[in-house]
C-alpha cells in the first residue's frame, strides 16, 4: 500500500481483502481516509466501497475478528458499520445517483467504482485504494485528486454547477474543507457556488448547522465565513451577519466594518479556546450593531445598547440556525449581554463594589467573558492593543483579589427567601423581595461582609424599618 498505515490499519485492510476475495466482490477504501492519510492527518473513520453487497461484506469482515464486532446495518441505504479498535468502518455498495431538482435525496441504483467516484463531491474525496488481491494497494485516481491535494485545491470531479445543483450541501462542505485544510477553492468551483447559492434552501437546517459548526471550530474560521459571505451563501443562511458588512462615513466620521471586525474577534478567540459556544458568542457579540446604529451630529456613530438588543436576538438566531435552545444558548446570550462590562472596569480607581457586581453577574462564566473581551481588541495599533491587554490583566488581578476575599463566584446570598418568611411569619410577598434584595446589594456594595451572622442582623434591622416583627425563637 502506497500510503503509510499503522499495524492495526494494515490488519483491518488484510481482513477486508480476505473477506472480499471470499465473496468475489471487488472492494476499495475511499474518500476521507485516503485523503487524510496522504495529508498526514489523524484518521479514525474508514469508508469501504464494494462492487456488490456492502452489508454482506460487513458481516463477512466482522466474522474474522475476535471478539466479533456488532454489525449495524441500514437495509434501505445499503450501508453497514462495524467498530474495530478505535476505528469506525463503514461499508457500502458502489452506486450511481440521479437527482430530482426539488430534493437532495437521490434515486440510487447499483453501479461500478467509476460510477461511485463520479458521484463524489470533490476530487480529493474521490481517491480510492484497491483492497483486491490482484492490485492490492493501487491508487485509483481518475480526477487527478492527488494533484489537487498537492496544489491544495478544492475542485469537483464533474461540472460544478451540476454537482452543487444536485446536492447543495456540497457547497457548504467545499467551504468547510477549504477552511479546515487551508485549501483554495478552484475559480470555476467557487463561481458555481455563487451561481447555486439559492439552492441551499432545499437543505435541512440541521445539516447546514452541522457544517457551520465545523467551520466555527476550525483553526482560522474567518476563512470559511469570508467564503460564505463572498459566495452569497451566508445571506441565504444567516442574513443578520451579512448586515454587519460595510463601513459608512459621514462628515468625516466613519465606523469600522463590523463584519470583518467580527471575523477578527472570532479568529482571536479561536487561538485561546475550542469552546464552540464561546466562539458563537464572538460571532454574535456585535450582531445588533446594524439595528442600533445612529449618527450624532458633531460626535459620530453610536451603537448604544447593542449588547442588550443583541442578547434578545440570540434565541431567535439560534432557532433560525437550528442551534440548541438550552443552557448553551443562554450562555451565548449572557456573553453577548455582558461583553462590554469588563471594558468599563479597565479605568483606574475602579471600586471593589464594581468588581463584586461583575463577579456576581458573570458567575462561573467570568473567565470565558474575559477571553471574549480580550478577543474583542482588534486595533491595528499594536501599542493600543498592548495597553488594552495590560488593562485587562489588571481587571483579572482585581477580580482574583476580590474573589479570594469575598468568595463571590457562583455566589448565593447567605439569607434565603424561606428564612425571611420564617423569621417574620410572612407568605411570599413584596416585603420578602425587598429584604432579600437589600441584603444582596449591601454585600455587593461592601456595606457588610458576605457572612451569615452579619446578613442575619441586617435582615432584622431591615424588617424593623418595614414594620415587621421577628417571630420569637428566631
Protein backbone atom coordinates (compact mmCIF):
# COMPACT_ATOMS: atom_id res chain seq x y z
CA UNK A 1 0.00 0.00 0.00
CA UNK A 2 1.48 3.35 -1.11
CA UNK A 3 0.33 5.31 1.97
CA UNK A 4 1.84 4.79 5.42
CA UNK A 5 -0.53 2.75 7.59
CA UNK A 6 -0.31 1.56 11.17
CA UNK A 7 -0.19 -2.13 12.03
CA UNK A 8 -3.83 -2.01 13.14
CA UNK A 9 -4.90 -0.39 9.87
CA UNK A 10 -2.98 -2.96 7.84
CA UNK A 11 -4.58 -5.79 9.84
CA UNK A 12 -8.04 -4.33 9.20
CA UNK A 13 -7.39 -3.98 5.46
CA UNK A 14 -5.99 -7.51 5.28
CA UNK A 15 -9.18 -8.93 6.77
CA UNK A 16 -11.37 -6.81 4.48
CA UNK A 17 -9.37 -8.02 1.47
CA UNK A 18 -9.70 -11.66 2.58
CA UNK A 19 -13.49 -11.33 3.09
CA UNK A 20 -13.95 -9.55 -0.26
CA UNK A 21 -11.97 -12.27 -2.06
CA UNK A 22 -14.09 -14.99 -0.45
CA UNK A 23 -17.25 -13.24 -1.68
CA UNK A 24 -15.65 -12.47 -5.07
CA UNK A 25 -16.55 -8.80 -4.54
CA UNK A 26 -14.12 -6.04 -5.68
CA UNK A 27 -13.62 -3.52 -2.88
CA UNK A 28 -11.72 -0.32 -2.11
CA UNK A 29 -11.14 2.11 0.73
CA UNK A 30 -12.21 5.52 -0.47
CA UNK A 31 -12.69 9.15 0.46
CA UNK A 32 -11.66 10.80 3.72
CA UNK A 33 -9.37 8.01 4.95
CA UNK A 34 -7.25 8.13 1.80
CA UNK A 35 -7.24 11.94 1.69
CA UNK A 36 -6.27 12.41 5.34
CA UNK A 37 -3.61 9.67 5.28
CA UNK A 38 -1.91 11.39 2.36
CA UNK A 39 -2.13 14.71 4.20
CA UNK A 40 -0.71 13.16 7.38
CA UNK A 41 -3.83 13.86 9.44
CA UNK A 42 -5.11 11.50 12.14
CA UNK A 43 -7.85 9.15 10.94
CA UNK A 44 -10.47 7.15 12.84
CA UNK A 45 -13.04 6.57 10.07
CA UNK A 46 -12.58 4.10 7.22
CA UNK A 47 -15.03 4.05 4.29
CA UNK A 48 -15.12 0.90 2.18
CA UNK A 49 -16.97 0.71 -1.13
CA UNK A 50 -17.53 -2.61 -2.88
CA UNK A 51 -18.99 -3.54 -6.24
CA UNK A 52 -21.67 -5.70 -4.67
CA UNK A 53 -23.48 -6.08 -1.34
CA UNK A 54 -21.89 -3.83 1.31
CA UNK A 55 -23.96 -5.28 4.15
CA UNK A 56 -22.95 -8.85 3.31
CA UNK A 57 -19.28 -7.78 3.15
CA UNK A 58 -19.56 -6.11 6.56
CA UNK A 59 -20.86 -9.32 8.14
CA UNK A 60 -18.10 -11.36 6.48
CA UNK A 61 -15.43 -8.95 7.75
CA UNK A 62 -16.87 -8.84 11.28
CA UNK A 63 -16.76 -12.66 11.49
CA UNK A 64 -12.96 -12.55 11.17
CA UNK A 65 -12.43 -10.58 14.37
CA UNK A 66 -12.36 -11.88 17.95
CA UNK A 67 -14.34 -10.67 19.76
CA UNK A 68 -16.69 -10.26 16.85
CA UNK A 69 -17.94 -6.66 16.48
CA UNK A 70 -21.65 -6.00 16.12
CA UNK A 71 -22.79 -5.09 12.61
CA UNK A 72 -25.12 -2.11 12.44
CA UNK A 73 -26.79 -2.02 9.05
CA UNK A 74 -29.39 0.04 7.24
CA UNK A 75 -31.04 -2.04 4.57
CA UNK A 76 -32.81 0.91 2.88
CA UNK A 77 -29.48 2.63 2.27
CA UNK A 78 -27.40 -0.48 1.67
CA UNK A 79 -24.85 0.57 4.30
CA UNK A 80 -23.35 -1.20 7.31
CA UNK A 81 -20.95 -0.22 10.07
CA UNK A 82 -18.64 -2.02 12.49
CA UNK A 83 -16.24 -0.73 15.13
CA UNK A 84 -12.79 -2.31 15.42
CA UNK A 85 -10.25 -0.94 17.91
CA UNK A 86 -10.75 2.82 17.63
CA UNK A 87 -11.92 2.71 14.02
CA UNK A 88 -15.45 3.16 12.69
CA UNK A 89 -15.59 1.19 9.44
CA UNK A 90 -18.49 1.82 7.06
CA UNK A 91 -19.34 -0.44 4.12
CA UNK A 92 -21.47 0.47 1.13
CA UNK A 93 -22.11 -0.98 -2.30
CA UNK A 94 -20.90 1.12 -5.24
CA UNK A 95 -23.77 3.12 -6.68
CA UNK A 96 -24.77 5.78 -9.11
CA UNK A 97 -27.24 8.52 -8.37
CA UNK A 98 -29.76 10.73 -10.14
CA UNK A 99 -31.45 13.75 -8.59
CA UNK A 100 -34.81 15.46 -8.70
CA UNK A 101 -34.46 19.27 -8.83
CA UNK A 102 -36.53 19.84 -5.68
CA UNK A 103 -34.72 17.34 -3.47
CA UNK A 104 -31.16 16.48 -2.46
CA UNK A 105 -32.22 12.85 -1.91
CA UNK A 106 -31.10 10.94 -4.99
CA UNK A 107 -32.57 7.94 -6.75
CA UNK A 108 -29.89 5.27 -6.25
CA UNK A 109 -29.00 2.18 -8.23
CA UNK A 110 -26.11 -0.26 -8.16
CA UNK A 111 -23.04 0.93 -10.02
CA UNK A 112 -19.36 0.49 -10.69
CA UNK A 113 -16.41 2.02 -8.84
CA UNK A 114 -16.29 4.62 -11.63
CA UNK A 115 -19.97 5.49 -11.02
CA UNK A 116 -19.25 5.83 -7.30
CA UNK A 117 -16.26 8.10 -7.83
CA UNK A 118 -18.28 10.25 -10.28
CA UNK A 119 -20.87 10.99 -7.57
CA UNK A 120 -18.25 12.17 -5.02
CA UNK A 121 -18.28 15.83 -4.04
CA UNK A 122 -14.62 16.74 -4.63
CA UNK A 123 -11.64 15.25 -6.41
CA UNK A 124 -9.72 14.93 -3.13
CA UNK A 125 -12.59 12.81 -1.78
CA UNK A 126 -12.79 10.56 -4.85
CA UNK A 127 -9.40 8.91 -4.23
CA UNK A 128 -9.64 5.13 -3.76
CA UNK A 129 -7.13 2.42 -2.88
CA UNK A 130 -7.69 -1.13 -4.06
CA UNK A 131 -8.10 -3.89 -1.45
CA UNK A 132 -8.22 -6.58 -4.15
CA UNK A 133 -5.63 -9.37 -4.30
CA UNK A 134 -4.56 -8.67 -7.90
CA UNK A 135 -3.75 -4.95 -7.41
CA UNK A 136 -3.77 -4.52 -3.61
CA UNK A 137 -2.69 -1.03 -2.55
CA UNK A 138 -3.05 0.56 -6.00
CA UNK A 139 -4.34 4.15 -6.03
CA UNK A 140 -7.38 4.72 -8.26
CA UNK A 141 -7.43 8.45 -9.08
CA UNK A 142 -9.50 9.27 -12.19
CA UNK A 143 -9.80 13.01 -11.45
CA UNK A 144 -6.19 13.85 -10.51
CA UNK A 145 -7.14 14.22 -6.87
CA UNK A 146 -3.50 13.71 -5.85
CA UNK A 147 -2.52 16.74 -7.93
CA UNK A 148 -5.26 18.78 -6.26
CA UNK A 149 -4.10 17.63 -2.82
CA UNK A 150 -0.55 18.71 -3.64
CA UNK A 151 -1.80 22.04 -5.04
CA UNK A 152 -4.23 22.48 -2.11
CA UNK A 153 -7.21 22.91 -4.44
CA UNK A 154 -10.90 22.12 -3.85
CA UNK A 155 -12.46 21.08 -7.17
CA UNK A 156 -15.47 18.97 -8.15
CA UNK A 157 -14.98 15.75 -10.18
CA UNK A 158 -17.71 16.65 -12.69
CA UNK A 159 -19.13 20.02 -13.76
CA UNK A 160 -19.50 22.03 -10.52
CA UNK A 161 -22.85 23.53 -11.49
CA UNK A 162 -24.38 20.04 -11.76
CA UNK A 163 -22.59 18.80 -8.62
CA UNK A 164 -23.95 21.66 -6.49
CA UNK A 165 -27.40 21.79 -8.03
CA UNK A 166 -27.81 18.05 -7.37
CA UNK A 167 -26.77 18.32 -3.71
CA UNK A 168 -26.39 21.92 -2.49
CA UNK A 169 -24.92 20.82 0.85
CA UNK A 170 -21.73 20.13 -1.12
CA UNK A 171 -21.26 23.92 -1.35
CA UNK A 172 -21.07 24.16 2.45
CA UNK A 173 -18.78 21.11 2.55
CA UNK A 174 -16.43 22.65 -0.01
CA UNK A 175 -16.09 25.81 2.05
CA UNK A 176 -15.66 23.74 5.20
CA UNK A 177 -12.86 21.67 3.64
CA UNK A 178 -11.14 24.84 2.39
CA UNK A 179 -11.29 26.23 5.93
CA UNK A 180 -10.17 23.08 7.76
CA UNK A 181 -7.39 22.14 5.32
CA UNK A 182 -6.29 25.68 4.41
CA UNK A 183 -7.03 24.92 0.74
CA UNK A 184 -8.18 27.24 -2.06
CA UNK A 185 -11.46 26.66 -3.90
CA UNK A 186 -10.92 26.41 -7.67
CA UNK A 187 -12.23 29.51 -9.50
CA UNK A 188 -14.81 27.60 -11.56
CA UNK A 189 -15.98 25.72 -8.47
CA UNK A 190 -16.30 28.92 -6.43
CA UNK A 191 -18.23 30.63 -9.24
CA UNK A 192 -20.64 27.66 -9.32
CA UNK A 193 -21.23 28.04 -5.56
CA UNK A 194 -22.22 31.67 -6.11
CA UNK A 195 -24.50 30.70 -9.02
CA UNK A 196 -26.23 27.99 -6.98
CA UNK A 197 -26.32 29.74 -3.56
CA UNK A 198 -30.13 29.92 -3.51
CA UNK A 199 -30.28 26.12 -3.86
CA UNK A 200 -29.12 25.83 -0.24
CA UNK A 201 -32.76 26.46 0.72
CA UNK A 202 -33.64 22.81 0.00
CA UNK A 203 -31.10 21.58 2.57
CA UNK A 204 -32.29 20.95 6.13
CA UNK A 205 -31.27 23.47 8.77
CA UNK A 206 -29.72 20.69 10.85
CA UNK A 207 -27.29 19.70 8.06
CA UNK A 208 -26.36 23.35 7.47
CA UNK A 209 -25.78 23.86 11.21
CA UNK A 210 -23.51 20.82 11.32
CA UNK A 211 -21.29 22.21 8.53
CA UNK A 212 -21.41 25.71 10.01
CA UNK A 213 -20.26 24.45 13.41
CA UNK A 214 -17.34 22.62 11.79
CA UNK A 215 -16.31 25.91 10.17
CA UNK A 216 -16.67 27.71 13.52
CA UNK A 217 -14.41 25.10 15.15
CA UNK A 218 -11.66 25.42 12.51
CA UNK A 219 -8.24 26.82 13.38
CA UNK A 220 -9.00 30.01 11.40
CA UNK A 221 -12.79 30.16 10.97
CA UNK A 222 -12.73 33.57 9.27
CA UNK A 223 -11.61 31.81 6.06
CA UNK A 224 -14.93 29.95 5.89
CA UNK A 225 -17.14 32.90 6.82
CA UNK A 226 -15.43 35.12 4.25
CA UNK A 227 -16.09 32.49 1.57
CA UNK A 228 -19.70 32.08 2.72
CA UNK A 229 -20.13 35.86 2.53
CA UNK A 230 -18.49 36.36 -0.88
CA UNK A 231 -20.32 33.39 -2.44
CA UNK A 232 -23.74 34.61 -1.28
CA UNK A 233 -24.38 31.54 0.89
CA UNK A 234 -24.20 33.50 4.14
CA UNK A 235 -27.02 35.79 3.01
CA UNK A 236 -29.17 32.70 2.44
CA UNK A 237 -28.49 31.04 5.81
CA UNK A 238 -27.55 33.87 8.19
CA UNK A 239 -28.65 37.28 6.80
CA UNK A 240 -28.20 39.07 10.15
CA UNK A 241 -24.46 38.52 9.94
CA UNK A 242 -24.31 39.91 6.39
CA UNK A 243 -25.94 43.12 7.67
CA UNK A 244 -22.78 43.76 9.71
CA UNK A 245 -20.78 44.27 6.50
CA UNK A 246 -19.69 47.66 5.25
CA UNK A 247 -18.29 50.87 6.69
CA UNK A 248 -20.02 54.25 6.46
CA UNK A 249 -18.53 57.74 6.51
CA UNK A 250 -20.47 60.94 7.21
CA UNK A 251 -18.92 64.41 7.71
CA UNK A 252 -15.53 62.83 8.27
CA UNK A 253 -16.83 60.40 10.89
CA UNK A 254 -16.51 56.72 9.97
CA UNK A 255 -17.05 53.39 11.68
CA UNK A 256 -15.24 50.12 11.10
CA UNK A 257 -16.63 47.26 9.03
CA UNK A 258 -18.30 45.25 11.77
CA UNK A 259 -18.42 42.07 9.66
CA UNK A 260 -14.67 41.87 9.30
CA UNK A 261 -14.20 43.06 12.87
CA UNK A 262 -16.38 40.11 13.96
CA UNK A 263 -14.26 37.71 11.89
CA UNK A 264 -11.11 39.04 13.56
CA UNK A 265 -12.68 38.57 17.02
CA UNK A 266 -13.64 35.01 16.02
CA UNK A 267 -10.09 34.24 14.88
CA UNK A 268 -8.72 35.78 18.08
CA UNK A 269 -10.96 33.66 20.33
CA UNK A 270 -10.11 30.58 18.25
CA UNK A 271 -6.49 30.97 19.36
CA UNK A 272 -7.46 30.68 23.03
CA UNK A 273 -10.38 28.22 23.20
CA UNK A 274 -12.01 25.29 21.39
CA UNK A 275 -15.33 26.03 23.12
CA UNK A 276 -17.88 26.09 20.29
CA UNK A 277 -20.32 28.28 22.23
CA UNK A 278 -17.75 30.88 23.25
CA UNK A 279 -16.83 31.08 19.57
CA UNK A 280 -20.53 31.62 18.77
CA UNK A 281 -20.55 34.41 21.36
CA UNK A 282 -17.70 36.01 19.40
CA UNK A 283 -19.77 35.73 16.19
CA UNK A 284 -22.83 37.32 17.83
CA UNK A 285 -21.27 39.87 20.20
CA UNK A 286 -21.95 42.81 17.84
CA UNK A 287 -24.88 41.32 15.93
CA UNK A 288 -27.22 44.18 16.94
CA UNK A 289 -24.95 47.00 15.75
CA UNK A 290 -26.90 47.46 12.49
CA UNK A 291 -30.16 47.75 14.47
CA UNK A 292 -28.71 50.26 16.95
CA UNK A 293 -26.52 52.34 14.62
CA UNK A 294 -27.16 56.10 14.88
CA UNK A 295 -25.27 59.17 13.68
CA UNK A 296 -24.98 62.00 16.18
CA UNK A 297 -24.01 65.41 14.81
CA UNK A 298 -20.59 66.50 16.00
CA UNK A 299 -20.00 63.17 17.71
CA UNK A 300 -20.14 60.45 15.08
CA UNK A 301 -21.55 56.93 15.02
CA UNK A 302 -23.04 55.27 18.10
CA UNK A 303 -24.36 51.77 18.79
CA UNK A 304 -25.95 52.40 22.18
CA UNK A 305 -27.49 49.32 23.78
CA UNK A 306 -26.28 46.93 21.08
CA UNK A 307 -25.31 44.41 23.77
CA UNK A 308 -28.86 44.37 25.21
CA UNK A 309 -30.59 44.22 21.81
CA UNK A 310 -28.04 41.60 20.68
CA UNK A 311 -28.83 39.45 23.70
CA UNK A 312 -32.52 39.50 22.76
CA UNK A 313 -31.62 38.43 19.20
CA UNK A 314 -29.69 35.33 20.29
CA UNK A 315 -32.68 32.96 20.91
CA UNK A 316 -34.23 33.85 17.53
CA UNK A 317 -30.94 33.33 15.68
CA UNK A 318 -30.35 30.01 17.44
CA UNK A 319 -33.85 28.90 16.40
CA UNK A 320 -33.25 30.04 12.82
CA UNK A 321 -29.90 28.21 12.60
CA UNK A 322 -31.21 25.06 14.32
CA UNK A 323 -28.81 25.53 17.23
CA UNK A 324 -29.86 24.28 20.69
CA UNK A 325 -32.40 26.18 22.78
CA UNK A 326 -30.83 25.20 26.09
CA UNK A 327 -28.11 26.31 28.50
CA UNK A 328 -25.72 26.71 25.53
CA UNK A 329 -27.95 29.39 24.05
CA UNK A 330 -28.34 31.04 27.47
CA UNK A 331 -24.55 31.11 27.86
CA UNK A 332 -24.11 32.80 24.46
CA UNK A 333 -26.84 35.32 25.30
CA UNK A 334 -25.17 36.09 28.63
CA UNK A 335 -21.79 36.63 26.93
CA UNK A 336 -23.34 38.96 24.32
CA UNK A 337 -25.16 40.97 27.00
CA UNK A 338 -22.09 41.29 29.21
CA UNK A 339 -19.29 41.72 26.65
CA UNK A 340 -18.89 45.45 27.34
CA UNK A 341 -18.86 45.17 31.13
CA UNK A 342 -15.17 44.34 31.77
CA UNK A 343 -14.11 47.12 29.37
CA UNK A 344 -15.69 49.71 31.67
CA UNK A 345 -13.54 48.35 34.52
CA UNK A 346 -10.22 48.99 32.79
CA UNK A 347 -10.17 52.56 34.09
CA UNK A 348 -8.18 53.45 37.20
CA UNK A 349 -9.70 53.62 40.68
CA UNK A 350 -12.49 51.13 39.98
CA UNK A 351 -14.21 50.24 43.26
CA UNK A 352 -14.38 46.79 44.80
CA UNK A 353 -18.15 47.14 44.52
CA UNK A 354 -17.98 47.29 40.70
CA UNK A 355 -15.72 44.23 40.66
CA UNK A 356 -18.09 42.37 43.01
CA UNK A 357 -21.04 43.08 40.71
CA UNK A 358 -19.14 41.79 37.69
CA UNK A 359 -18.19 38.59 39.55
CA UNK A 360 -21.73 38.13 40.83
CA UNK A 361 -23.39 38.61 37.44
CA UNK A 362 -20.81 36.63 35.42
CA UNK A 363 -20.63 33.81 37.99
CA UNK A 364 -18.74 30.75 36.75
CA UNK A 365 -18.52 32.31 33.27
CA UNK A 366 -16.18 35.17 34.28
CA UNK A 367 -13.11 33.54 32.67
CA UNK A 368 -14.98 32.97 29.39
CA UNK A 369 -16.20 36.58 29.46
CA UNK A 370 -12.66 37.88 29.92
CA UNK A 371 -11.42 35.77 26.98
CA UNK A 372 -14.18 37.23 24.79
CA UNK A 373 -13.35 40.79 25.84
CA UNK A 374 -9.66 40.30 25.12
CA UNK A 375 -10.51 38.83 21.70
CA UNK A 376 -12.61 41.93 21.02
CA UNK A 377 -9.46 44.09 20.87
CA UNK A 378 -8.81 44.34 17.13
CA UNK A 379 -6.99 47.65 16.67
CA UNK A 380 -4.20 47.73 14.07
CA UNK A 381 -2.27 49.90 16.53
CA UNK A 382 -0.04 47.39 18.35
CA UNK A 383 0.66 49.77 21.22
CA UNK A 384 -3.05 50.33 21.74
CA UNK A 385 -3.66 46.56 21.81
CA UNK A 386 -0.81 46.10 24.27
CA UNK A 387 -2.22 48.82 26.55
CA UNK A 388 -5.73 47.30 26.48
CA UNK A 389 -4.39 43.83 27.26
CA UNK A 390 -2.42 45.22 30.21
CA UNK A 391 -5.60 46.90 31.47
CA UNK A 392 -7.48 43.62 31.20
CA UNK A 393 -4.75 41.88 33.15
CA UNK A 394 -5.26 44.47 35.87
CA UNK A 395 -9.00 43.67 35.91
CA UNK A 396 -8.18 39.95 36.16
CA UNK A 397 -5.96 40.62 39.18
CA UNK A 398 -8.61 42.76 40.85
CA UNK A 399 -11.20 40.04 40.23
CA UNK A 400 -8.89 37.42 41.76
CA UNK A 401 -8.27 39.62 44.83
CA UNK A 402 -11.96 40.38 45.43
CA UNK A 403 -12.94 36.75 44.74
CA UNK A 404 -10.40 35.49 47.27
CA UNK A 405 -11.70 37.94 49.85
CA UNK A 406 -15.46 37.76 49.24
CA UNK A 407 -15.94 34.33 47.60
CA UNK A 408 -18.45 35.68 45.09
CA UNK A 409 -18.15 33.27 42.17
CA UNK A 410 -21.44 31.32 41.92
CA UNK A 411 -22.46 33.25 44.99
CA UNK A 412 -25.85 32.95 46.67
CA UNK A 413 -26.78 35.41 49.44
CA UNK A 414 -26.44 33.83 52.92
CA UNK A 415 -30.09 34.63 53.74
CA UNK A 416 -32.77 32.84 51.71
CA UNK A 417 -36.31 33.95 51.00
CA UNK A 418 -37.54 30.97 53.02
CA UNK A 419 -35.63 32.14 56.09
CA UNK A 420 -37.01 35.68 55.72
CA UNK A 421 -40.58 34.33 55.57
CA UNK A 422 -39.98 32.06 58.56
CA UNK A 423 -38.36 34.83 60.63
CA UNK A 424 -41.17 37.35 60.10
CA UNK A 425 -44.03 34.85 59.65
CA UNK A 426 -44.66 36.02 56.09
CA UNK A 427 -46.20 34.50 52.98
CA UNK A 428 -44.45 35.12 49.63
CA UNK A 429 -44.77 38.89 49.28
CA UNK A 430 -43.20 42.18 48.21
CA UNK A 431 -41.54 42.60 51.62
CA UNK A 432 -39.62 39.34 51.21
CA UNK A 433 -38.17 40.56 47.91
CA UNK A 434 -37.27 43.97 49.36
CA UNK A 435 -35.31 42.43 52.25
CA UNK A 436 -33.59 39.84 50.06
CA UNK A 437 -32.52 42.47 47.50
CA UNK A 438 -31.32 44.81 50.26
CA UNK A 439 -29.07 42.07 51.71
CA UNK A 440 -27.63 41.30 48.27
CA UNK A 441 -26.98 44.98 47.48
CA UNK A 442 -25.39 45.61 50.89
CA UNK A 443 -22.94 42.75 50.40
CA UNK A 444 -22.12 43.76 46.81
CA UNK A 445 -21.62 47.38 47.91
CA UNK A 446 -19.30 46.29 50.72
CA UNK A 447 -21.61 47.64 53.47
CA UNK A 448 -21.24 44.32 55.26
CA UNK A 449 -19.22 41.11 54.82
CA UNK A 450 -20.55 38.06 52.97
CA UNK A 451 -21.32 36.21 56.22
CA UNK A 452 -24.45 34.70 57.74
CA UNK A 453 -24.31 36.48 61.12
CA UNK A 454 -23.89 39.95 59.60
CA UNK A 455 -26.59 39.27 56.99
CA UNK A 456 -29.00 37.97 59.66
CA UNK A 457 -28.57 41.10 61.78
CA UNK A 458 -29.06 43.25 58.68
CA UNK A 459 -32.27 41.33 57.88
CA UNK A 460 -33.70 42.01 61.34
CA UNK A 461 -32.94 45.73 61.04
CA UNK A 462 -34.38 45.99 57.54
CA UNK A 463 -37.50 44.15 58.72
CA UNK A 464 -38.00 46.65 61.53
CA UNK A 465 -37.80 49.51 59.01
CA UNK A 466 -40.64 47.82 57.10
CA UNK A 467 -42.70 47.46 60.30
CA UNK A 468 -42.12 43.72 60.58
CA UNK A 469 -41.57 41.89 63.81
CA UNK A 470 -39.44 38.78 64.15
CA UNK A 471 -41.26 35.71 65.44
CA UNK A 472 -39.92 34.63 68.85
CA UNK A 473 -37.44 31.84 68.71
CA UNK A 474 -35.83 33.23 65.58
